[in-house]
């Protein structure tokens, strides 16, 4: 178990889902500024989903889906053409 948040060598998209002031789910994507530096497949710039989770008491509420949808929107804004996991 890590005692602090992981840091990435490349740029990242880091999101957290919050419910009534409590963090209930993180999502971390490290993405490329230069092709082939993070992802292993495809051409163009991509991102690697390193972490996505939802606290067990908050599952089945669409939280992970909303995290992924927001991450996809941000990835498109950064002109990433794919996400790997």
C-alpha atoms as a PDB file:
ATOM      1  CA  UNK A   1       0.000   0.000   0.000  1.00  0.00           C
ATOM      2  CA  UNK A   2       1.316   3.424  -0.935  1.00  0.00           C
ATOM      3  CA  UNK A   3       1.428   6.134   1.714  1.00  0.00           C
ATOM      4  CA  UNK A   4       1.411   8.954  -0.803  1.00  0.00           C
ATOM      5  CA  UNK A   5       0.072   9.572  -4.261  1.00  0.00           C
ATOM      6  CA  UNK A   6       2.148   8.270  -7.138  1.00  0.00           C
ATOM      7  CA  UNK A   7       3.945  10.860  -9.300  1.00  0.00           C
ATOM      8  CA  UNK A   8       4.321  10.411 -13.043  1.00  0.00           C
ATOM      9  CA  UNK A   9       7.261  11.163 -15.335  1.00  0.00           C
ATOM     10  CA  UNK A  10       4.924  12.457 -18.058  1.00  0.00           C
ATOM     11  CA  UNK A  11       1.875  14.745 -17.970  1.00  0.00           C
ATOM     12  CA  UNK A  12      -1.201  13.274 -16.319  1.00  0.00           C
ATOM     13  CA  UNK A  13      -4.940  13.590 -15.916  1.00  0.00           C
ATOM     14  CA  UNK A  14      -5.777  13.067 -12.251  1.00  0.00           C
ATOM     15  CA  UNK A  15      -9.408  13.036 -11.161  1.00  0.00           C
ATOM     16  CA  UNK A  16     -11.214  12.269  -7.906  1.00  0.00           C
ATOM     17  CA  UNK A  17     -14.887  11.632  -7.289  1.00  0.00           C
ATOM     18  CA  UNK A  18     -16.209  13.306  -4.138  1.00  0.00           C
ATOM     19  CA  UNK A  19     -19.456  12.605  -2.303  1.00  0.00           C
ATOM     20  CA  UNK A  20     -20.382  14.929   0.574  1.00  0.00           C
ATOM     21  CA  UNK A  21     -16.751  15.929   1.077  1.00  0.00           C
ATOM     22  CA  UNK A  22     -15.433  12.344   1.038  1.00  0.00           C
ATOM     23  CA  UNK A  23     -13.151  11.095  -1.728  1.00  0.00           C
ATOM     24  CA  UNK A  24     -14.860   7.984  -3.088  1.00  0.00           C
ATOM     25  CA  UNK A  25     -12.847   7.252  -6.230  1.00  0.00           C
ATOM     26  CA  UNK A  26      -9.646   8.204  -8.062  1.00  0.00           C
ATOM     27  CA  UNK A  27      -8.689   7.971 -11.720  1.00  0.00           C
ATOM     28  CA  UNK A  28      -5.139   8.576 -12.974  1.00  0.00           C
ATOM     29  CA  UNK A  29      -4.014   8.678 -16.594  1.00  0.00           C
ATOM     30  CA  UNK A  30      -0.411   9.316 -17.597  1.00  0.00           C
ATOM     31  CA  UNK A  31      -0.272  10.553 -21.170  1.00  0.00           C
ATOM     32  CA  UNK A  32       2.243  11.061 -23.921  1.00  0.00           C
ATOM     33  CA  UNK A  33       3.671  14.313 -25.153  1.00  0.00           C
ATOM     34  CA  UNK A  34       5.831  12.251 -27.514  1.00  0.00           C
ATOM     35  CA  UNK A  35       4.538   9.112 -29.224  1.00  0.00           C
ATOM     36  CA  UNK A  36       5.692   5.835 -27.675  1.00  0.00           C
ATOM     37  CA  UNK A  37       6.759   7.239 -24.295  1.00  0.00           C
ATOM     38  CA  UNK A  38       3.834   5.802 -22.272  1.00  0.00           C
ATOM     39  CA  UNK A  39       1.695   3.542 -24.458  1.00  0.00           C
ATOM     40  CA  UNK A  40       2.743   0.441 -26.326  1.00  0.00           C
ATOM     41  CA  UNK A  41       0.095   0.113 -29.050  1.00  0.00           C
ATOM     42  CA  UNK A  42      -1.219   2.189 -31.905  1.00  0.00           C
ATOM     43  CA  UNK A  43       0.009   5.368 -33.497  1.00  0.00           C
ATOM     44  CA  UNK A  44      -0.421   8.930 -32.354  1.00  0.00           C
ATOM     45  CA  UNK A  45      -0.542  10.132 -28.775  1.00  0.00           C
ATOM     46  CA  UNK A  46      -2.183   7.994 -26.123  1.00  0.00           C
ATOM     47  CA  UNK A  47      -2.710   7.720 -22.399  1.00  0.00           C
ATOM     48  CA  UNK A  48      -2.353   4.901 -19.874  1.00  0.00           C
ATOM     49  CA  UNK A  49      -5.012   4.453 -17.195  1.00  0.00           C
ATOM     50  CA  UNK A  50      -2.936   3.514 -14.164  1.00  0.00           C
ATOM     51  CA  UNK A  51      -5.607   3.728 -11.482  1.00  0.00           C
ATOM     52  CA  UNK A  52      -9.385   3.732 -11.342  1.00  0.00           C
ATOM     53  CA  UNK A  53     -11.304   2.701  -8.247  1.00  0.00           C
ATOM     54  CA  UNK A  54     -14.490   3.355  -6.329  1.00  0.00           C
ATOM     55  CA  UNK A  55     -14.892   2.847  -2.592  1.00  0.00           C
ATOM     56  CA  UNK A  56     -16.970  -0.326  -2.031  1.00  0.00           C
ATOM     57  CA  UNK A  57     -19.737   1.570  -0.207  1.00  0.00           C
ATOM     58  CA  UNK A  58     -20.233   3.822  -3.261  1.00  0.00           C
ATOM     59  CA  UNK A  59     -20.203   1.248  -6.053  1.00  0.00           C
ATOM     60  CA  UNK A  60     -23.097   0.680  -8.478  1.00  0.00           C
ATOM     61  CA  UNK A  61     -23.854   4.420  -8.621  1.00  0.00           C
ATOM     62  CA  UNK A  62     -22.184   5.234 -11.943  1.00  0.00           C
ATOM     63  CA  UNK A  63     -19.165   6.903 -10.340  1.00  0.00           C
ATOM     64  CA  UNK A  64     -16.542   5.004 -12.368  1.00  0.00           C
ATOM     65  CA  UNK A  65     -18.510   5.661 -15.556  1.00  0.00           C
ATOM     66  CA  UNK A  66     -18.571   9.411 -14.851  1.00  0.00           C
ATOM     67  CA  UNK A  67     -14.845   9.408 -14.040  1.00  0.00           C
ATOM     68  CA  UNK A  68     -14.130   7.673 -17.359  1.00  0.00           C
ATOM     69  CA  UNK A  69     -16.414  10.011 -19.316  1.00  0.00           C
ATOM     70  CA  UNK A  70     -14.682  13.088 -17.872  1.00  0.00           C
ATOM     71  CA  UNK A  71     -11.260  11.531 -18.502  1.00  0.00           C
ATOM     72  CA  UNK A  72     -12.200  10.812 -22.125  1.00  0.00           C
ATOM     73  CA  UNK A  73     -13.327  14.420 -22.576  1.00  0.00           C
ATOM     74  CA  UNK A  74     -10.041  15.748 -21.165  1.00  0.00           C
ATOM     75  CA  UNK A  75      -8.024  13.262 -23.243  1.00  0.00           C
ATOM     76  CA  UNK A  76      -9.750  14.465 -26.425  1.00  0.00           C
ATOM     77  CA  UNK A  77      -8.973  18.081 -25.484  1.00  0.00           C
ATOM     78  CA  UNK A  78      -5.314  17.066 -25.217  1.00  0.00           C
ATOM     79  CA  UNK A  79      -5.608  15.419 -28.652  1.00  0.00           C
ATOM     80  CA  UNK A  80      -5.012  11.885 -27.380  1.00  0.00           C
ATOM     81  CA  UNK A  81      -6.422   9.294 -29.757  1.00  0.00           C
ATOM     82  CA  UNK A  82      -6.613   6.320 -27.372  1.00  0.00           C
ATOM     83  CA  UNK A  83      -6.433   5.148 -23.784  1.00  0.00           C
ATOM     84  CA  UNK A  84      -4.800   1.912 -22.661  1.00  0.00           C
ATOM     85  CA  UNK A  85      -5.196   0.112 -19.354  1.00  0.00           C
END
